[in-house]
PDB file of N, CA and C in Angstrom:
ATOM      1  N   MET A   1     -23.518 -20.716  14.711  1.00  0.00           N
ATOM      2  CA  MET A   1     -23.401 -22.061  14.993  1.00  0.00           C
ATOM      3  C   MET A   1     -23.383 -22.760  13.592  1.00  0.00           C
ATOM      4  N   LEU A   2     -22.524 -23.820  13.528  1.00  0.00           N
ATOM      5  CA  LEU A   2     -22.268 -24.452  12.212  1.00  0.00           C
ATOM      6  C   LEU A   2     -23.384 -25.520  11.941  1.00  0.00           C
ATOM      7  N   ASP A   3     -23.727 -25.566  10.707  1.00  0.00           N
ATOM      8  CA  ASP A   3     -24.720 -26.498  10.511  1.00  0.00           C
ATOM      9  C   ASP A   3     -24.089 -27.819  10.039  1.00  0.00           C
ATOM     10  N   LYS A   4     -24.801 -28.840  10.040  1.00  0.00           N
ATOM     11  CA  LYS A   4     -24.268 -30.302   9.738  1.00  0.00           C
ATOM     12  C   LYS A   4     -23.408 -30.519   8.495  1.00  0.00           C
ATOM     13  N   ASN A   5     -23.806 -29.703   7.423  1.00  0.00           N
ATOM     14  CA  ASN A   5     -22.895 -29.824   6.345  1.00  0.00           C
ATOM     15  C   ASN A   5     -21.491 -29.107   6.316  1.00  0.00           C
ATOM     16  N   GLU A   6     -21.589 -28.036   7.149  1.00  0.00           N
ATOM     17  CA  GLU A   6     -20.250 -27.382   7.372  1.00  0.00           C
ATOM     18  C   GLU A   6     -19.392 -28.091   8.229  1.00  0.00           C
ATOM     19  N   VAL A   7     -19.905 -28.811   9.240  1.00  0.00           N
ATOM     20  CA  VAL A   7     -19.036 -29.738  10.092  1.00  0.00           C
ATOM     21  C   VAL A   7     -18.467 -30.749   9.253  1.00  0.00           C
ATOM     22  N   LEU A   8     -19.351 -31.434   8.353  1.00  0.00           N
ATOM     23  CA  LEU A   8     -18.844 -32.489   7.579  1.00  0.00           C
ATOM     24  C   LEU A   8     -17.807 -31.907   6.564  1.00  0.00           C
ATOM     25  N   LYS A   9     -18.070 -30.877   6.019  1.00  0.00           N
ATOM     26  CA  LYS A   9     -17.022 -30.188   5.035  1.00  0.00           C
ATOM     27  C   LYS A   9     -15.542 -30.012   5.906  1.00  0.00           C
ATOM     28  N   ASN A  10     -15.672 -29.473   7.057  1.00  0.00           N
ATOM     29  CA  ASN A  10     -14.360 -29.195   7.858  1.00  0.00           C
ATOM     30  C   ASN A  10     -13.820 -30.537   8.222  1.00  0.00           C
ATOM     31  N   ASP A  11     -14.633 -31.512   8.552  1.00  0.00           N
ATOM     32  CA  ASP A  11     -13.890 -32.881   8.864  1.00  0.00           C
ATOM     33  C   ASP A  11     -13.353 -33.442   7.757  1.00  0.00           C
ATOM     34  N   PHE A  12     -13.946 -33.313   6.455  1.00  0.00           N
ATOM     35  CA  PHE A  12     -13.418 -33.870   5.294  1.00  0.00           C
ATOM     36  C   PHE A  12     -12.174 -33.239   4.979  1.00  0.00           C
ATOM     37  N   GLU A  13     -12.161 -31.905   4.944  1.00  0.00           N
ATOM     38  CA  GLU A  13     -10.986 -31.108   4.547  1.00  0.00           C
ATOM     39  C   GLU A  13      -9.854 -31.439   5.599  1.00  0.00           C
ATOM     40  N   ASP A  14     -10.101 -31.572   6.772  1.00  0.00           N
ATOM     41  CA  ASP A  14      -9.061 -31.897   7.767  1.00  0.00           C
ATOM     42  C   ASP A  14      -8.463 -33.295   7.519  1.00  0.00           C
ATOM     43  N   SER A  15      -9.309 -34.246   7.199  1.00  0.00           N
ATOM     44  CA  SER A  15      -8.702 -35.594   6.896  1.00  0.00           C
ATOM     45  C   SER A  15      -8.011 -35.720   5.625  1.00  0.00           C
ATOM     46  N   ILE A  16      -8.434 -34.926   4.655  1.00  0.00           N
ATOM     47  CA  ILE A  16      -7.714 -34.955   3.367  1.00  0.00           C
ATOM     48  C   ILE A  16      -6.352 -34.161   3.716  1.00  0.00           C
ATOM     49  N   GLU A  17      -6.323 -33.229   4.315  1.00  0.00           N
ATOM     50  CA  GLU A  17      -5.007 -32.520   4.629  1.00  0.00           C
ATOM     51  C   GLU A  17      -4.030 -33.450   5.495  1.00  0.00           C
ATOM     52  N   LYS A  18      -4.636 -34.117   6.404  1.00  0.00           N
ATOM     53  CA  LYS A  18      -3.680 -35.135   7.269  1.00  0.00           C
ATOM     54  C   LYS A  18      -3.203 -36.223   6.221  1.00  0.00           C
ATOM     55  N   SER A  19      -4.102 -36.662   5.537  1.00  0.00           N
ATOM     56  CA  SER A  19      -3.596 -37.732   4.521  1.00  0.00           C
ATOM     57  C   SER A  19      -2.518 -37.336   3.569  1.00  0.00           C
ATOM     58  N   LEU A  20      -2.688 -36.275   2.933  1.00  0.00           N
ATOM     59  CA  LEU A  20      -1.730 -35.504   2.046  1.00  0.00           C
ATOM     60  C   LEU A  20      -0.337 -35.375   2.778  1.00  0.00           C
ATOM     61  N   ARG A  21      -0.481 -34.861   3.992  1.00  0.00           N
ATOM     62  CA  ARG A  21       0.683 -34.510   4.690  1.00  0.00           C
ATOM     63  C   ARG A  21       1.400 -35.853   5.194  1.00  0.00           C
ATOM     64  N   SER A  22       0.669 -36.729   5.506  1.00  0.00           N
ATOM     65  CA  SER A  22       1.228 -38.141   5.980  1.00  0.00           C
ATOM     66  C   SER A  22       1.934 -38.812   4.817  1.00  0.00           C
ATOM     67  N   LEU A  23       1.491 -38.505   3.619  1.00  0.00           N
ATOM     68  CA  LEU A  23       2.045 -39.233   2.387  1.00  0.00           C
ATOM     69  C   LEU A  23       3.231 -38.340   1.856  1.00  0.00           C
ATOM     70  N   GLY A  24       3.408 -37.169   2.345  1.00  0.00           N
ATOM     71  CA  GLY A  24       4.671 -36.347   1.879  1.00  0.00           C
ATOM     72  C   GLY A  24       4.258 -35.416   0.832  1.00  0.00           C
ATOM     73  N   TYR A  25       2.927 -35.323   0.608  1.00  0.00           N
ATOM     74  CA  TYR A  25       2.448 -34.484  -0.547  1.00  0.00           C
ATOM     75  C   TYR A  25       2.324 -33.045  -0.195  1.00  0.00           C
ATOM     76  N   LEU A  26       2.311 -32.743   1.203  1.00  0.00           N
ATOM     77  CA  LEU A  26       2.185 -31.350   1.681  1.00  0.00           C
ATOM     78  C   LEU A  26       3.552 -31.147   2.573  1.00  0.00           C
ATOM     79  N   PHE A  27       3.911 -30.008   2.462  1.00  0.00           N
ATOM     80  CA  PHE A  27       5.236 -29.817   3.304  1.00  0.00           C
ATOM     81  C   PHE A  27       4.641 -29.332   4.666  1.00  0.00           C
ATOM     82  N   PRO A  28       5.477 -29.629   5.674  1.00  0.00           N
ATOM     83  CA  PRO A  28       5.260 -29.194   6.987  1.00  0.00           C
ATOM     84  C   PRO A  28       5.188 -27.619   7.093  1.00  0.00           C
ATOM     85  N   SER A  29       4.128 -27.165   7.803  1.00  0.00           N
ATOM     86  CA  SER A  29       4.011 -25.704   7.874  1.00  0.00           C
ATOM     87  C   SER A  29       4.335 -25.013   9.178  1.00  0.00           C
ATOM     88  N   THR A  30       4.389 -25.800  10.259  1.00  0.00           N
ATOM     89  CA  THR A  30       4.725 -25.281  11.518  1.00  0.00           C
ATOM     90  C   THR A  30       5.925 -25.859  12.059  1.00  0.00           C
ATOM     91  N   ASP A  31       6.541 -25.422  13.091  1.00  0.00           N
ATOM     92  CA  ASP A  31       7.767 -25.942  13.741  1.00  0.00           C
ATOM     93  C   ASP A  31       7.475 -27.343  14.200  1.00  0.00           C
ATOM     94  N   ASP A  32       6.249 -27.463  14.831  1.00  0.00           N
ATOM     95  CA  ASP A  32       5.975 -28.844  15.412  1.00  0.00           C
ATOM     96  C   ASP A  32       5.713 -29.876  14.227  1.00  0.00           C
ATOM     97  N   GLU A  33       5.241 -29.559  13.142  1.00  0.00           N
ATOM     98  CA  GLU A  33       5.118 -30.478  12.075  1.00  0.00           C
ATOM     99  C   GLU A  33       6.510 -30.868  11.487  1.00  0.00           C
ATOM    100  N   VAL A  34       7.393 -29.894  11.381  1.00  0.00           N
ATOM    101  CA  VAL A  34       8.746 -30.190  11.039  1.00  0.00           C
ATOM    102  C   VAL A  34       9.493 -31.050  11.908  1.00  0.00           C
ATOM    103  N   GLU A  35       9.225 -30.892  13.140  1.00  0.00           N
ATOM    104  CA  GLU A  35       9.922 -31.727  14.188  1.00  0.00           C
ATOM    105  C   GLU A  35       9.278 -33.274  14.073  1.00  0.00           C
ATOM    106  N   VAL A  36       7.950 -33.281  13.799  1.00  0.00           N
ATOM    107  CA  VAL A  36       7.413 -34.661  13.759  1.00  0.00           C
ATOM    108  C   VAL A  36       8.059 -35.323  12.435  1.00  0.00           C
ATOM    109  N   PHE A  37       8.062 -34.519  11.333  1.00  0.00           N
ATOM    110  CA  PHE A  37       8.595 -35.047   9.957  1.00  0.00           C
ATOM    111  C   PHE A  37      10.061 -35.431  10.221  1.00  0.00           C
ATOM    112  N   GLU A  38      10.821 -34.723  10.811  1.00  0.00           N
ATOM    113  CA  GLU A  38      12.326 -35.014  10.864  1.00  0.00           C
ATOM    114  C   GLU A  38      12.355 -36.310  11.880  1.00  0.00           C
ATOM    115  N   ARG A  39      11.481 -36.478  12.927  1.00  0.00           N
ATOM    116  CA  ARG A  39      11.568 -37.599  13.781  1.00  0.00           C
ATOM    117  C   ARG A  39      11.206 -38.892  13.021  1.00  0.00           C
ATOM    118  N   GLU A  40      10.134 -38.722  12.313  1.00  0.00           N
ATOM    119  CA  GLU A  40       9.546 -40.017  11.593  1.00  0.00           C
ATOM    120  C   GLU A  40      10.257 -40.308  10.234  1.00  0.00           C
ATOM    121  N   ASN A  41      10.971 -39.524   9.743  1.00  0.00           N
ATOM    122  CA  ASN A  41      11.524 -39.673   8.429  1.00  0.00           C
ATOM    123  C   ASN A  41      13.183 -39.583   8.576  1.00  0.00           C
ATOM    124  N   LYS A  42      13.738 -40.533   7.820  1.00  0.00           N
ATOM    125  CA  LYS A  42      15.220 -40.556   7.863  1.00  0.00           C
ATOM    126  C   LYS A  42      15.769 -39.486   6.736  1.00  0.00           C
ATOM    127  N   ILE A  43      16.465 -38.616   7.291  1.00  0.00           N
ATOM    128  CA  ILE A  43      17.046 -37.565   6.422  1.00  0.00           C
ATOM    129  C   ILE A  43      18.413 -38.025   6.002  1.00  0.00           C
ATOM    130  N   GLU A  44      18.534 -38.167   4.632  1.00  0.00           N
ATOM    131  CA  GLU A  44      19.889 -38.623   4.070  1.00  0.00           C
ATOM    132  C   GLU A  44      20.570 -37.561   3.309  1.00  0.00           C
ATOM    133  N   ASN A  45      21.805 -37.582   3.217  1.00  0.00           N
ATOM    134  CA  ASN A  45      22.524 -36.702   2.324  1.00  0.00           C
ATOM    135  C   ASN A  45      22.328 -36.947   0.725  1.00  0.00           C
ATOM    136  N   THR A  46      22.381 -35.946  -0.062  1.00  0.00           N
ATOM    137  CA  THR A  46      22.241 -36.225  -1.365  1.00  0.00           C
ATOM    138  C   THR A  46      23.454 -36.964  -2.037  1.00  0.00           C
ATOM    139  N   PRO A  47      23.285 -38.012  -2.753  1.00  0.00           N
ATOM    140  CA  PRO A  47      24.462 -38.700  -3.341  1.00  0.00           C
ATOM    141  C   PRO A  47      25.364 -37.804  -4.244  1.00  0.00           C
ATOM    142  N   SER A  48      26.490 -37.963  -4.182  1.00  0.00           N
ATOM    143  CA  SER A  48      27.439 -37.172  -5.100  1.00  0.00           C
ATOM    144  C   SER A  48      27.155 -37.216  -6.403  1.00  0.00           C
ATOM    145  N   TYR A  49      26.528 -38.200  -7.007  1.00  0.00           N
ATOM    146  CA  TYR A  49      26.291 -38.302  -8.533  1.00  0.00           C
ATOM    147  C   TYR A  49      25.107 -37.562  -8.918  1.00  0.00           C
ATOM    148  N   PHE A  50      24.410 -37.022  -7.967  1.00  0.00           N
ATOM    149  CA  PHE A  50      23.149 -36.155  -8.323  1.00  0.00           C
ATOM    150  C   PHE A  50      23.800 -34.894  -8.789  1.00  0.00           C
ATOM    151  N   SER A  51      23.113 -34.302  -9.576  1.00  0.00           N
ATOM    152  CA  SER A  51      23.550 -32.874 -10.166  1.00  0.00           C
ATOM    153  C   SER A  51      22.856 -31.927  -9.144  1.00  0.00           C
ATOM    154  N   THR A  52      23.575 -30.794  -8.877  1.00  0.00           N
ATOM    155  CA  THR A  52      23.004 -29.711  -8.249  1.00  0.00           C
ATOM    156  C   THR A  52      22.010 -28.958  -9.073  1.00  0.00           C
ATOM    157  N   ALA A  53      21.085 -28.213  -8.454  1.00  0.00           N
ATOM    158  CA  ALA A  53      20.130 -27.316  -9.215  1.00  0.00           C
ATOM    159  C   ALA A  53      20.948 -26.571 -10.201  1.00  0.00           C
ATOM    160  N   LEU A  54      21.969 -25.875  -9.804  1.00  0.00           N
ATOM    161  CA  LEU A  54      22.718 -25.051 -10.700  1.00  0.00           C
ATOM    162  C   LEU A  54      23.254 -25.571 -11.865  1.00  0.00           C
ATOM    163  N   GLU A  55      23.627 -26.872 -11.806  1.00  0.00           N
ATOM    164  CA  GLU A  55      24.128 -27.718 -12.924  1.00  0.00           C
ATOM    165  C   GLU A  55      23.093 -28.041 -13.856  1.00  0.00           C
ATOM    166  N   LEU A  56      21.879 -28.477 -13.254  1.00  0.00           N
ATOM    167  CA  LEU A  56      20.804 -28.739 -14.279  1.00  0.00           C
ATOM    168  C   LEU A  56      20.304 -27.627 -14.933  1.00  0.00           C
ATOM    169  N   VAL A  57      20.326 -26.331 -14.243  1.00  0.00           N
ATOM    170  CA  VAL A  57      19.786 -25.186 -15.130  1.00  0.00           C
ATOM    171  C   VAL A  57      20.791 -24.799 -15.989  1.00  0.00           C
ATOM    172  N   SER A  58      22.107 -24.945 -15.753  1.00  0.00           N
ATOM    173  CA  SER A  58      23.109 -24.558 -16.730  1.00  0.00           C
ATOM    174  C   SER A  58      23.121 -25.384 -17.987  1.00  0.00           C
ATOM    175  N   LYS A  59      22.703 -26.690 -17.848  1.00  0.00           N
ATOM    176  CA  LYS A  59      22.657 -27.652 -19.011  1.00  0.00           C
ATOM    177  C   LYS A  59      21.240 -27.431 -19.781  1.00  0.00           C
ATOM    178  N   SER A  60      20.337 -26.842 -19.392  1.00  0.00           N
ATOM    179  CA  SER A  60      18.956 -26.765 -19.860  1.00  0.00           C
ATOM    180  C   SER A  60      19.083 -25.815 -21.225  1.00  0.00           C
ATOM    181  N   LYS A  61      18.140 -26.052 -21.976  1.00  0.00           N
ATOM    182  CA  LYS A  61      18.126 -25.239 -23.309  1.00  0.00           C
ATOM    183  C   LYS A  61      17.330 -24.015 -23.005  1.00  0.00           C
ATOM    184  N   ARG A  62      17.929 -22.920 -23.310  1.00  0.00           N
ATOM    185  CA  ARG A  62      17.316 -21.616 -23.000  1.00  0.00           C
ATOM    186  C   ARG A  62      16.673 -21.096 -24.287  1.00  0.00           C
ATOM    187  N   LEU A  63      15.547 -20.754 -24.346  1.00  0.00           N
ATOM    188  CA  LEU A  63      14.920 -20.035 -25.502  1.00  0.00           C
ATOM    189  C   LEU A  63      14.729 -18.614 -25.294  1.00  0.00           C
ATOM    190  N   ASN A  64      15.310 -17.869 -26.241  1.00  0.00           N
ATOM    191  CA  ASN A  64      15.105 -16.434 -26.233  1.00  0.00           C
ATOM    192  C   ASN A  64      13.813 -16.212 -27.048  1.00  0.00           C
ATOM    193  N   ILE A  65      12.800 -15.902 -26.298  1.00  0.00           N
ATOM    194  CA  ILE A  65      11.551 -15.594 -26.947  1.00  0.00           C
ATOM    195  C   ILE A  65      11.213 -14.130 -27.106  1.00  0.00           C
ATOM    196  N   CYS A  66      11.189 -13.701 -28.249  1.00  0.00           N
ATOM    197  CA  CYS A  66      10.916 -12.229 -28.520  1.00  0.00           C
ATOM    198  C   CYS A  66       9.464 -12.026 -29.010  1.00  0.00           C
ATOM    199  N   LYS A  67       8.626 -11.554 -28.125  1.00  0.00           N
ATOM    200  CA  LYS A  67       7.243 -11.343 -28.525  1.00  0.00           C
ATOM    201  C   LYS A  67       7.088  -9.950 -29.036  1.00  0.00           C
ATOM    202  N   LYS A  68       6.504  -9.783 -30.183  1.00  0.00           N
ATOM    203  CA  LYS A  68       6.330  -8.475 -30.761  1.00  0.00           C
ATOM    204  C   LYS A  68       4.787  -8.230 -30.567  1.00  0.00           C
ATOM    205  N   VAL A  69       4.521  -7.119 -30.063  1.00  0.00           N
ATOM    206  CA  VAL A  69       3.103  -6.876 -29.754  1.00  0.00           C
ATOM    207  C   VAL A  69       2.530  -5.930 -30.987  1.00  0.00           C
ATOM    208  N   ASN A  70       1.547  -6.539 -31.558  1.00  0.00           N
ATOM    209  CA  ASN A  70       1.057  -5.659 -32.574  1.00  0.00           C
ATOM    210  C   ASN A  70      -0.236  -4.802 -32.026  1.00  0.00           C
ATOM    211  N   MET A  71      -0.014  -3.527 -31.922  1.00  0.00           N
ATOM    212  CA  MET A  71      -0.946  -2.797 -31.428  1.00  0.00           C
ATOM    213  C   MET A  71      -1.764  -1.912 -32.481  1.00  0.00           C
ATOM    214  N   GLU A  72      -3.110  -1.968 -32.496  1.00  0.00           N
ATOM    215  CA  GLU A  72      -3.729  -1.235 -33.438  1.00  0.00           C
ATOM    216  C   GLU A  72      -3.936   0.166 -32.792  1.00  0.00           C
ATOM    217  N   ILE A  73      -3.639   1.164 -33.631  1.00  0.00           N
ATOM    218  CA  ILE A  73      -3.807   2.471 -33.173  1.00  0.00           C
ATOM    219  C   ILE A  73      -5.337   2.985 -33.522  1.00  0.00           C
ATOM    220  N   ASN A  74      -5.988   3.191 -32.353  1.00  0.00           N
ATOM    221  CA  ASN A  74      -7.388   3.653 -32.625  1.00  0.00           C
ATOM    222  C   ASN A  74      -7.436   5.105 -33.070  1.00  0.00           C
ATOM    223  N   SER A  75      -8.594   5.433 -33.562  1.00  0.00           N
ATOM    224  CA  SER A  75      -8.655   6.851 -34.143  1.00  0.00           C
ATOM    225  C   SER A  75      -8.646   7.940 -33.069  1.00  0.00           C
ATOM    226  N   SER A  76      -9.072   7.552 -31.886  1.00  0.00           N
ATOM    227  CA  SER A  76      -8.985   8.562 -30.782  1.00  0.00           C
ATOM    228  C   SER A  76      -7.522   8.850 -30.380  1.00  0.00           C
ATOM    229  N   ALA A  77      -6.655   7.812 -30.456  1.00  0.00           N
ATOM    230  CA  ALA A  77      -5.245   8.116 -29.963  1.00  0.00           C
ATOM    231  C   ALA A  77      -4.656   8.856 -30.976  1.00  0.00           C
ATOM    232  N   GLU A  78      -4.999   8.673 -32.458  1.00  0.00           N
ATOM    233  CA  GLU A  78      -4.355   9.418 -33.469  1.00  0.00           C
ATOM    234  C   GLU A  78      -4.861  10.851 -33.343  1.00  0.00           C
ATOM    235  N   ASN A  79      -6.218  11.023 -33.085  1.00  0.00           N
ATOM    236  CA  ASN A  79      -6.618  12.398 -32.929  1.00  0.00           C
ATOM    237  C   ASN A  79      -6.032  13.201 -31.770  1.00  0.00           C
ATOM    238  N   LEU A  80      -5.518  12.521 -30.619  1.00  0.00           N
ATOM    239  CA  LEU A  80      -4.925  13.043 -29.545  1.00  0.00           C
ATOM    240  C   LEU A  80      -3.499  13.474 -30.033  1.00  0.00           C
ATOM    241  N   ALA A  81      -2.996  12.573 -30.800  1.00  0.00           N
ATOM    242  CA  ALA A  81      -1.392  12.940 -31.312  1.00  0.00           C
ATOM    243  C   ALA A  81      -1.549  14.167 -32.269  1.00  0.00           C
ATOM    244  N   ARG A  82      -2.617  14.096 -33.150  1.00  0.00           N
ATOM    245  CA  ARG A  82      -2.799  15.284 -34.050  1.00  0.00           C
ATOM    246  C   ARG A  82      -2.956  16.695 -33.232  1.00  0.00           C
ATOM    247  N   ALA A  83      -3.800  16.511 -32.220  1.00  0.00           N
ATOM    248  CA  ALA A  83      -4.104  17.626 -31.310  1.00  0.00           C
ATOM    249  C   ALA A  83      -2.756  18.154 -30.648  1.00  0.00           C
ATOM    250  N   ALA A  84      -2.019  17.261 -30.256  1.00  0.00           N
ATOM    251  CA  ALA A  84      -0.667  17.708 -29.616  1.00  0.00           C
ATOM    252  C   ALA A  84       0.206  18.362 -30.565  1.00  0.00           C
ATOM    253  N   ARG A  85       0.103  17.960 -31.852  1.00  0.00           N
ATOM    254  CA  ARG A  85       0.875  18.832 -32.952  1.00  0.00           C
ATOM    255  C   ARG A  85       0.097  19.942 -33.476  1.00  0.00           C
ATOM    256  N   LYS A  86      -1.111  20.335 -32.670  1.00  0.00           N
ATOM    257  CA  LYS A  86      -1.848  21.403 -33.099  1.00  0.00           C
ATOM    258  C   LYS A  86      -2.252  21.399 -34.485  1.00  0.00           C
ATOM    259  N   GLY A  87      -2.666  20.031 -35.013  1.00  0.00           N
ATOM    260  CA  GLY A  87      -3.103  19.799 -36.195  1.00  0.00           C
ATOM    261  C   GLY A  87      -2.056  19.780 -37.376  1.00  0.00           C
ATOM    262  N   ASN A  88      -0.870  19.940 -37.172  1.00  0.00           N
ATOM    263  CA  ASN A  88       0.182  20.065 -38.080  1.00  0.00           C
ATOM    264  C   ASN A  88       0.738  18.620 -38.391  1.00  0.00           C
ATOM    265  N   ASP A  89       1.342  18.368 -39.601  1.00  0.00           N
ATOM    266  CA  ASP A  89       1.898  17.267 -39.889  1.00  0.00           C
ATOM    267  C   ASP A  89       3.293  16.992 -39.097  1.00  0.00           C
ATOM    268  N   ILE A  90       3.836  15.730 -39.118  1.00  0.00           N
ATOM    269  CA  ILE A  90       5.079  15.485 -38.462  1.00  0.00           C
ATOM    270  C   ILE A  90       6.181  15.946 -39.382  1.00  0.00           C
ATOM    271  N   SER A  91       7.033  16.715 -38.808  1.00  0.00           N
ATOM    272  CA  SER A  91       8.220  17.236 -39.751  1.00  0.00           C
ATOM    273  C   SER A  91       9.046  16.069 -40.156  1.00  0.00           C
ATOM    274  N   GLU A  92       9.841  16.231 -41.130  1.00  0.00           N
ATOM    275  CA  GLU A  92      10.670  15.254 -41.793  1.00  0.00           C
ATOM    276  C   GLU A  92      11.868  14.822 -40.701  1.00  0.00           C
ATOM    277  N   ASP A  93      12.293  15.885 -39.922  1.00  0.00           N
ATOM    278  CA  ASP A  93      13.273  15.604 -38.928  1.00  0.00           C
ATOM    279  C   ASP A  93      12.766  14.677 -37.915  1.00  0.00           C
ATOM    280  N   VAL A  94      11.557  14.895 -37.545  1.00  0.00           N
ATOM    281  CA  VAL A  94      10.932  14.029 -36.307  1.00  0.00           C
ATOM    282  C   VAL A  94      10.609  12.713 -36.806  1.00  0.00           C
ATOM    283  N   LEU A  95      10.131  12.611 -38.057  1.00  0.00           N
ATOM    284  CA  LEU A  95       9.882  11.300 -38.804  1.00  0.00           C
ATOM    285  C   LEU A  95      11.242  10.355 -38.860  1.00  0.00           C
ATOM    286  N   LYS A  96      12.319  11.150 -39.182  1.00  0.00           N
ATOM    287  CA  LYS A  96      13.554  10.424 -39.197  1.00  0.00           C
ATOM    288  C   LYS A  96      14.087   9.906 -38.004  1.00  0.00           C
ATOM    289  N   LYS A  97      13.918  10.752 -36.864  1.00  0.00           N
ATOM    290  CA  LYS A  97      14.217  10.362 -35.553  1.00  0.00           C
ATOM    291  C   LYS A  97      13.345   9.244 -35.068  1.00  0.00           C
ATOM    292  N   MET A  98      12.066   9.281 -35.496  1.00  0.00           N
ATOM    293  CA  MET A  98      11.202   8.292 -35.017  1.00  0.00           C
ATOM    294  C   MET A  98      11.628   6.796 -35.694  1.00  0.00           C
ATOM    295  N   LYS A  99      11.962   6.909 -36.928  1.00  0.00           N
ATOM    296  CA  LYS A  99      12.381   5.671 -37.595  1.00  0.00           C
ATOM    297  C   LYS A  99      13.683   5.229 -36.937  1.00  0.00           C
ATOM    298  N   LEU A 100      14.657   6.047 -36.724  1.00  0.00           N
ATOM    299  CA  LEU A 100      15.969   5.577 -36.131  1.00  0.00           C
ATOM    300  C   LEU A 100      15.635   5.065 -34.650  1.00  0.00           C
ATOM    301  N   ASP A 101      14.749   5.626 -33.926  1.00  0.00           N
ATOM    302  CA  ASP A 101      14.427   5.083 -32.568  1.00  0.00           C
ATOM    303  C   ASP A 101      13.811   3.674 -32.694  1.00  0.00           C
ATOM    304  N   ARG A 102      13.037   3.511 -33.706  1.00  0.00           N
ATOM    305  CA  ARG A 102      12.162   2.328 -33.847  1.00  0.00           C
ATOM    306  C   ARG A 102      13.092   1.308 -34.302  1.00  0.00           C
ATOM    307  N   ASN A 103      14.038   1.627 -35.140  1.00  0.00           N
ATOM    308  CA  ASN A 103      14.960   0.536 -35.566  1.00  0.00           C
ATOM    309  C   ASN A 103      15.965   0.138 -34.558  1.00  0.00           C
ATOM    310  N   ALA A 104      16.278   0.885 -33.648  1.00  0.00           N
ATOM    311  CA  ALA A 104      17.252   0.815 -32.551  1.00  0.00           C
ATOM    312  C   ALA A 104      16.388  -0.137 -31.569  1.00  0.00           C
ATOM    313  N   ALA A 105      15.101   0.168 -31.305  1.00  0.00           N
ATOM    314  CA  ALA A 105      14.432  -0.662 -30.417  1.00  0.00           C
ATOM    315  C   ALA A 105      14.178  -2.129 -30.827  1.00  0.00           C
ATOM    316  N   GLU A 106      13.911  -2.222 -32.138  1.00  0.00           N
ATOM    317  CA  GLU A 106      13.675  -3.526 -32.695  1.00  0.00           C
ATOM    318  C   GLU A 106      14.935  -4.260 -32.693  1.00  0.00           C
ATOM    319  N   ASN A 107      16.116  -3.767 -32.917  1.00  0.00           N
ATOM    320  CA  ASN A 107      17.288  -4.436 -33.029  1.00  0.00           C
ATOM    321  C   ASN A 107      17.862  -4.899 -31.702  1.00  0.00           C
ATOM    322  N   ASP A 108      17.513  -4.037 -30.606  1.00  0.00           N
ATOM    323  CA  ASP A 108      17.868  -4.440 -29.152  1.00  0.00           C
ATOM    324  C   ASP A 108      16.876  -5.640 -28.791  1.00  0.00           C
ATOM    325  N   GLU A 109      15.750  -5.785 -29.260  1.00  0.00           N
ATOM    326  CA  GLU A 109      14.873  -6.918 -28.971  1.00  0.00           C
ATOM    327  C   GLU A 109      15.504  -8.220 -29.406  1.00  0.00           C
ATOM    328  N   LYS A 110      16.351  -8.304 -30.474  1.00  0.00           N
ATOM    329  CA  LYS A 110      16.893  -9.510 -30.965  1.00  0.00           C
ATOM    330  C   LYS A 110      18.027 -10.037 -30.193  1.00  0.00           C
TER     331      LYS A 110
END
């Protein structure tokens, strides 16, 4: 059973929703609400001098934001990498390949 506060809360929420919907701040969510909206509001065609959404977007300024993430290598990750190499250092060939891959990745981001 609902207590008095719960009933008041539900009534308040219902009245707020009805008010917002009647002022056009909430979209109709059921078929019946759409029918009522269309019956009570005059639907007009968009004037020809209004831009379409595609035209507005095509004129907008696009920013290419390239975020570089600085990751700190913690000691446990480095220890795992060393374990994968069985304690050996990284060979010159592998270092060269790593640098080439890194440069390629950084240039692709730009």
